[in-house]
Protein backbone atom coordinates (compact mmCIF):
# COMPACT_ATOMS: atom_id res chain seq x y z
CA MET A 1 0.06 -0.13 -0.07
CA ASN A 2 1.68 3.29 -0.88
CA ARG A 3 1.48 6.45 1.14
CA ILE A 4 -1.48 7.83 -0.46
CA ASP A 5 -3.81 4.76 -0.20
CA ARG A 6 -2.79 4.36 3.37
CA CYS A 7 -3.50 7.92 4.24
CA PHE A 8 -6.97 7.65 3.08
CA ALA A 9 -7.37 4.35 4.79
CA GLU A 10 -6.23 5.71 8.05
CA LEU A 11 -8.35 8.89 7.87
CA ALA A 12 -11.35 6.50 9.43
CA GLY A 13 -14.34 8.95 8.39
CA ARG A 14 -12.42 12.52 8.79
CA LYS A 15 -12.10 14.31 5.48
CA ALA A 16 -8.49 14.49 3.62
CA LEU A 17 -7.10 18.21 3.48
CA ILE A 18 -4.96 18.47 0.65
CA PRO A 19 -2.99 22.21 -0.02
CA PHE A 20 -1.02 23.29 -2.84
CA ILE A 21 2.10 25.28 -3.03
CA THR A 22 4.60 26.02 -5.70
CA ALA A 23 8.01 24.48 -5.02
CA GLY A 24 10.67 27.50 -5.29
CA ASP A 25 8.18 30.21 -4.13
CA PRO A 26 9.16 32.95 -2.91
CA GLU A 27 12.47 31.25 -2.73
CA PRO A 28 13.91 27.60 -3.00
CA GLY A 29 15.13 27.89 0.57
CA GLN A 30 11.84 28.03 2.02
CA THR A 31 10.07 25.34 0.34
CA VAL A 32 10.90 22.51 2.64
CA ALA A 33 9.95 24.71 5.83
CA MET A 34 6.48 25.04 4.24
CA MET A 35 5.99 21.63 3.64
CA HIS A 36 6.41 20.83 7.04
CA ALA A 37 4.41 23.80 8.18
CA LEU A 38 1.43 22.38 5.92
CA VAL A 39 1.75 19.01 7.95
CA ALA A 40 1.98 20.85 11.16
CA GLY A 41 -1.32 22.73 10.09
CA GLY A 42 -3.20 19.52 9.39
CA ALA A 43 -2.08 18.30 5.92
CA ASN A 44 -2.84 14.93 4.82
CA VAL A 45 -1.63 15.28 1.24
CA ILE A 46 0.77 17.97 -0.19
CA GLU A 47 0.17 18.65 -3.94
CA LEU A 48 3.82 20.29 -4.81
CA GLY A 49 3.40 22.63 -7.65
CA VAL A 50 6.32 22.37 -10.44
CA PRO A 51 7.03 25.65 -11.61
CA PHE A 52 6.24 25.99 -15.60
CA SER A 53 6.74 28.94 -18.03
CA ASP A 54 3.39 28.52 -19.45
CA PRO A 55 0.83 27.33 -16.47
CA MET A 56 -2.41 27.53 -18.79
CA ALA A 57 -4.81 26.22 -16.25
CA ASP A 58 -3.72 28.50 -13.66
CA GLY A 59 -4.98 32.01 -12.72
CA PRO A 60 -2.67 34.96 -12.02
CA VAL A 61 -2.10 33.90 -8.64
CA ILE A 62 -0.45 30.70 -9.46
CA GLN A 63 1.04 32.24 -12.45
CA ARG A 64 3.16 34.69 -10.41
CA ALA A 65 4.05 32.05 -8.00
CA SER A 66 5.79 30.04 -11.11
CA GLU A 67 7.28 33.12 -12.62
CA ARG A 68 9.01 33.81 -8.89
CA ALA A 69 10.01 30.39 -8.82
CA LEU A 70 11.45 30.08 -12.09
CA ALA A 71 13.46 33.58 -11.51
CA HIS A 72 15.34 31.49 -9.12
CA GLY A 73 16.11 28.98 -11.93
CA VAL A 74 13.95 26.13 -10.32
CA GLY A 75 13.52 23.08 -12.42
CA LEU A 76 11.97 19.49 -12.15
CA ARG A 77 15.04 18.19 -10.70
CA ASP A 78 15.22 20.79 -8.18
CA VAL A 79 11.68 19.84 -7.10
CA LEU A 80 12.75 16.51 -6.66
CA ALA A 81 15.78 17.64 -4.59
CA MET A 82 13.23 19.26 -2.24
CA VAL A 83 11.02 16.28 -1.66
CA ALA A 84 13.95 14.14 -1.09
CA GLN A 85 15.02 16.82 1.60
CA PHE A 86 11.54 16.68 2.94
CA ARG A 87 11.60 12.99 3.25
CA ALA A 88 14.44 13.20 5.38
CA ASP A 89 12.17 14.24 8.31
CA ASP A 90 8.63 13.11 7.09
CA ASP A 91 8.40 9.61 5.52
CA ALA A 92 4.64 9.28 5.80
CA THR A 93 2.80 12.35 4.28
CA PRO A 94 1.98 11.76 0.75
CA VAL A 95 3.75 13.89 -1.94
CA VAL A 96 2.09 14.52 -5.43
CA LEU A 97 3.74 16.65 -8.06
CA MET A 98 1.33 18.72 -9.87
CA GLY A 99 2.38 20.55 -12.98
CA TYR A 100 2.59 20.15 -16.92
CA LEU A 101 3.30 17.71 -19.00
CA ASN A 102 6.73 19.26 -20.69
CA PRO A 103 9.25 18.93 -18.02
CA VAL A 104 8.39 15.43 -17.43
CA GLU A 105 8.28 14.56 -21.05
CA ALA A 106 11.74 16.29 -21.47
CA MET A 107 13.24 14.18 -18.88
CA GLY A 108 11.57 11.03 -20.18
CA TYR A 109 8.91 9.06 -18.45
CA ALA A 110 10.87 6.15 -17.31
CA GLU A 111 13.56 8.22 -16.06
CA PHE A 112 11.11 10.65 -14.14
CA ALA A 113 9.15 7.82 -12.52
CA LYS A 114 12.54 6.41 -11.15
CA ALA A 115 14.00 9.68 -9.88
CA ALA A 116 10.33 10.72 -8.45
CA ARG A 117 10.23 7.27 -6.44
CA ALA A 118 13.74 7.64 -5.19
CA ALA A 119 13.24 10.99 -4.07
CA GLY A 120 9.94 10.12 -2.15
CA VAL A 121 7.12 11.45 -4.67
CA ASP A 122 3.82 9.33 -4.45
CA GLY A 123 1.86 10.87 -7.34
CA LEU A 124 1.67 12.88 -10.74
CA LEU A 125 -1.16 15.12 -11.98
CA THR A 126 -0.34 16.42 -15.10
CA VAL A 127 -2.96 19.29 -16.19
CA ASP A 128 -2.26 18.93 -19.78
CA CYS A 129 -2.12 15.31 -20.17
CA PRO A 130 -5.81 13.64 -20.68
CA PRO A 131 -6.10 9.87 -20.23
CA GLU A 132 -6.51 9.26 -23.90
CA GLU A 133 -2.90 10.08 -24.34
CA ALA A 134 -1.51 8.52 -21.07
CA GLU A 135 -1.03 5.25 -21.68
CA ALA A 136 2.87 5.52 -22.02
CA LEU A 137 3.36 8.03 -19.10
CA SER A 138 0.78 5.76 -16.86
CA LEU A 139 2.71 2.69 -17.49
CA ALA A 140 6.18 4.21 -16.51
CA LEU A 141 4.40 5.71 -13.21
CA HIS A 142 2.80 2.25 -12.56
CA ALA A 143 6.25 0.61 -12.83
CA GLU A 144 7.64 2.82 -9.97
CA GLN A 145 4.17 2.26 -7.95
CA LEU A 146 3.35 6.18 -8.24
CA ALA A 147 -0.24 7.09 -8.65
CA PRO A 148 -1.33 8.76 -11.92
CA ILE A 149 -3.83 11.46 -10.58
CA TYR A 150 -6.61 13.03 -13.31
CA LEU A 151 -8.56 16.29 -13.04
CA ILE A 152 -12.42 15.99 -13.93
CA ALA A 153 -14.37 19.01 -15.13
CA PRO A 154 -17.80 20.05 -14.75
CA THR A 155 -18.21 19.27 -18.46
CA THR A 156 -16.69 15.52 -18.24
CA PRO A 157 -19.03 13.34 -19.89
CA ALA A 158 -19.76 9.88 -18.16
CA GLU A 159 -18.09 8.14 -21.20
CA ARG A 160 -15.02 9.69 -20.06
CA LEU A 161 -15.07 8.90 -16.78
CA SER A 162 -14.91 5.32 -17.00
CA GLY A 163 -11.49 5.85 -18.98
CA ILE A 164 -10.14 8.13 -16.10
CA ALA A 165 -11.22 5.19 -13.91
CA ARG A 166 -8.99 2.85 -15.69
CA HIS A 167 -6.07 5.09 -15.47
CA ALA A 168 -6.48 7.03 -12.28
CA ARG A 169 -4.76 5.78 -8.85
CA GLY A 170 -4.91 7.31 -5.49
CA TYR A 171 -7.69 9.78 -5.70
CA VAL A 172 -9.34 11.97 -8.55
CA TYR A 173 -9.25 16.01 -8.30
CA TYR A 174 -12.71 17.53 -9.21
CA VAL A 175 -12.34 20.81 -10.55
CA SER A 176 -15.69 22.42 -9.04
CA LEU A 177 -15.62 25.62 -11.52
CA LYS A 178 -15.18 26.13 -15.08
CA GLY A 179 -12.13 28.38 -15.56
CA VAL A 180 -8.40 28.70 -13.96
CA THR A 181 -7.45 28.42 -10.52
CA GLY A 182 -8.77 31.09 -8.09
CA ALA A 183 -12.10 31.43 -9.61
CA ALA A 184 -14.98 32.43 -7.61
CA ASN A 185 -18.76 31.52 -7.03
CA LEU A 186 -18.46 28.12 -5.70
CA ASP A 187 -21.99 26.26 -5.98
CA VAL A 188 -22.04 23.39 -3.58
CA THR A 189 -25.07 21.95 -4.55
CA GLU A 190 -23.78 21.86 -8.01
CA VAL A 191 -20.67 19.93 -6.81
CA ALA A 192 -22.33 17.71 -4.83
CA ARG A 193 -24.48 16.39 -7.70
CA ARG A 194 -21.37 15.98 -9.93
CA VAL A 195 -19.65 14.27 -7.26
CA ALA A 196 -22.46 11.68 -6.69
CA GLU A 197 -22.35 11.15 -10.77
CA ILE A 198 -18.22 10.67 -10.48
CA ARG A 199 -18.97 8.05 -7.81
CA GLN A 200 -21.36 5.80 -10.34
CA HIS A 201 -17.86 5.73 -12.23
CA ILE A 202 -14.82 5.88 -10.01
CA GLN A 203 -13.96 4.03 -6.69
CA LEU A 204 -11.20 6.10 -5.75
CA PRO A 205 -11.53 9.34 -3.06
CA ILE A 206 -12.90 12.09 -4.53
CA GLY A 207 -11.01 15.54 -4.06
CA VAL A 208 -12.65 18.73 -4.91
CA GLY A 209 -10.70 22.02 -5.56
CA PHE A 210 -11.09 25.40 -7.32
CA GLY A 211 -12.95 28.25 -5.28
CA ILE A 212 -11.95 27.00 -1.65
CA ARG A 213 -10.89 29.86 0.14
CA ASP A 214 -11.83 29.38 4.00
CA GLY A 215 -12.81 27.35 6.63
CA GLN A 216 -16.75 27.53 5.56
CA THR A 217 -16.55 26.76 1.91
CA ALA A 218 -13.83 23.76 2.97
CA ARG A 219 -16.50 22.25 5.34
CA GLN A 220 -19.28 22.48 2.74
CA VAL A 221 -17.11 20.63 0.55
CA ALA A 222 -16.04 18.37 2.58
CA ASP A 223 -19.48 17.42 3.41
CA VAL A 224 -20.09 16.09 -0.22
CA SER A 225 -16.38 14.88 -0.98
CA ASP A 226 -13.73 12.72 0.33
CA ALA A 227 -10.82 15.46 0.19
CA VAL A 228 -10.37 19.19 0.02
CA VAL A 229 -7.95 20.87 -2.16
CA ILE A 230 -6.94 24.41 -1.53
CA GLY A 231 -4.13 26.04 -3.55
CA SER A 232 -4.76 29.81 -4.91
CA ARG A 233 -5.82 31.12 -1.40
CA LEU A 234 -2.14 29.47 0.21
CA VAL A 235 -0.19 30.95 -2.78
CA GLN A 236 -1.68 34.12 -2.11
CA ALA A 237 -0.89 34.01 1.38
CA VAL A 238 2.91 33.12 0.60
CA GLU A 239 3.02 35.97 -1.65
CA ALA A 240 1.47 38.46 0.96
CA ALA A 241 3.83 37.05 3.86
CA ALA A 242 6.50 39.38 5.15
CA PRO A 243 10.04 37.95 4.22
CA GLY A 244 10.79 34.89 6.14
CA GLU A 245 7.49 34.25 7.38
CA ALA A 246 5.93 32.32 4.81
CA ALA A 247 5.96 28.75 6.49
CA ALA A 248 4.34 30.32 9.81
CA THR A 249 1.58 32.18 7.73
CA LEU A 250 0.92 28.92 5.79
CA GLN A 251 0.58 26.99 9.33
CA THR A 252 -2.07 29.03 10.89
CA LEU A 253 -3.97 29.49 7.78
CA LEU A 254 -4.35 25.97 7.27
CA ARG A 255 -4.98 25.29 10.91
CA ASP A 256 -8.06 27.06 10.66
CA ILE A 257 -9.34 25.50 7.71
CA ARG A 258 -8.54 21.95 9.57
CA ALA A 259 -10.52 22.76 12.42
CA ALA A 260 -13.45 23.69 10.44
CA LEU A 261 -12.98 20.13 8.46
CA ASP A 262 -12.93 18.52 11.90
CA ALA A 263 -15.74 20.50 13.53
């Protein structure tokens, strides 16, 4: 059983909290401390963004985070080194890399999968690699016991859910809104309806993200899902934090959201 499966199995009715930050933002030396702060604040899984020059699915907040990380020269191998450093003190919390296919393809699927497993990565979510085009990548990930994690959109039809079910491992990520990260106007009733439809086709845990910015919306989403994913709100907090205070800021913010989920 890998870390992701173990994590969900051990939750025992509690809902998973999955925060996202961009590796290398605000600067590379703070990333590992920020990851530990997320765990201290109540994270069950960490989604660690791989900086990319053309993050087409992301809104301006996460775009700026990628730009700051890239300005420091942070690339995929640097992100893997950060995960390895995190693993020196935390061998339990699952880490999922989230980003775009190009850096993985440039490294080579098999080489990436081996390096990722060696570093302590548990899964990969590539925003721009649909399951119809993911056979080679999925095989490489499965060979190293890494979980391919897929996005599901509000417009994803039922027949496509079956295809996602064949490839996905760990959990699936339902994008609760049409648009880019950081969008607003979350409709929890519609989320509940769609999550119920997804459950008819996919047996994995379902995480919901996009539009979750505080404990209240997190609690509402948790009532109808297995996990809450929160990204732009955290990245925005990192951007606004005083120098050297990003980790402490994240821990405080996440602790409040965790308390709302557990209330």
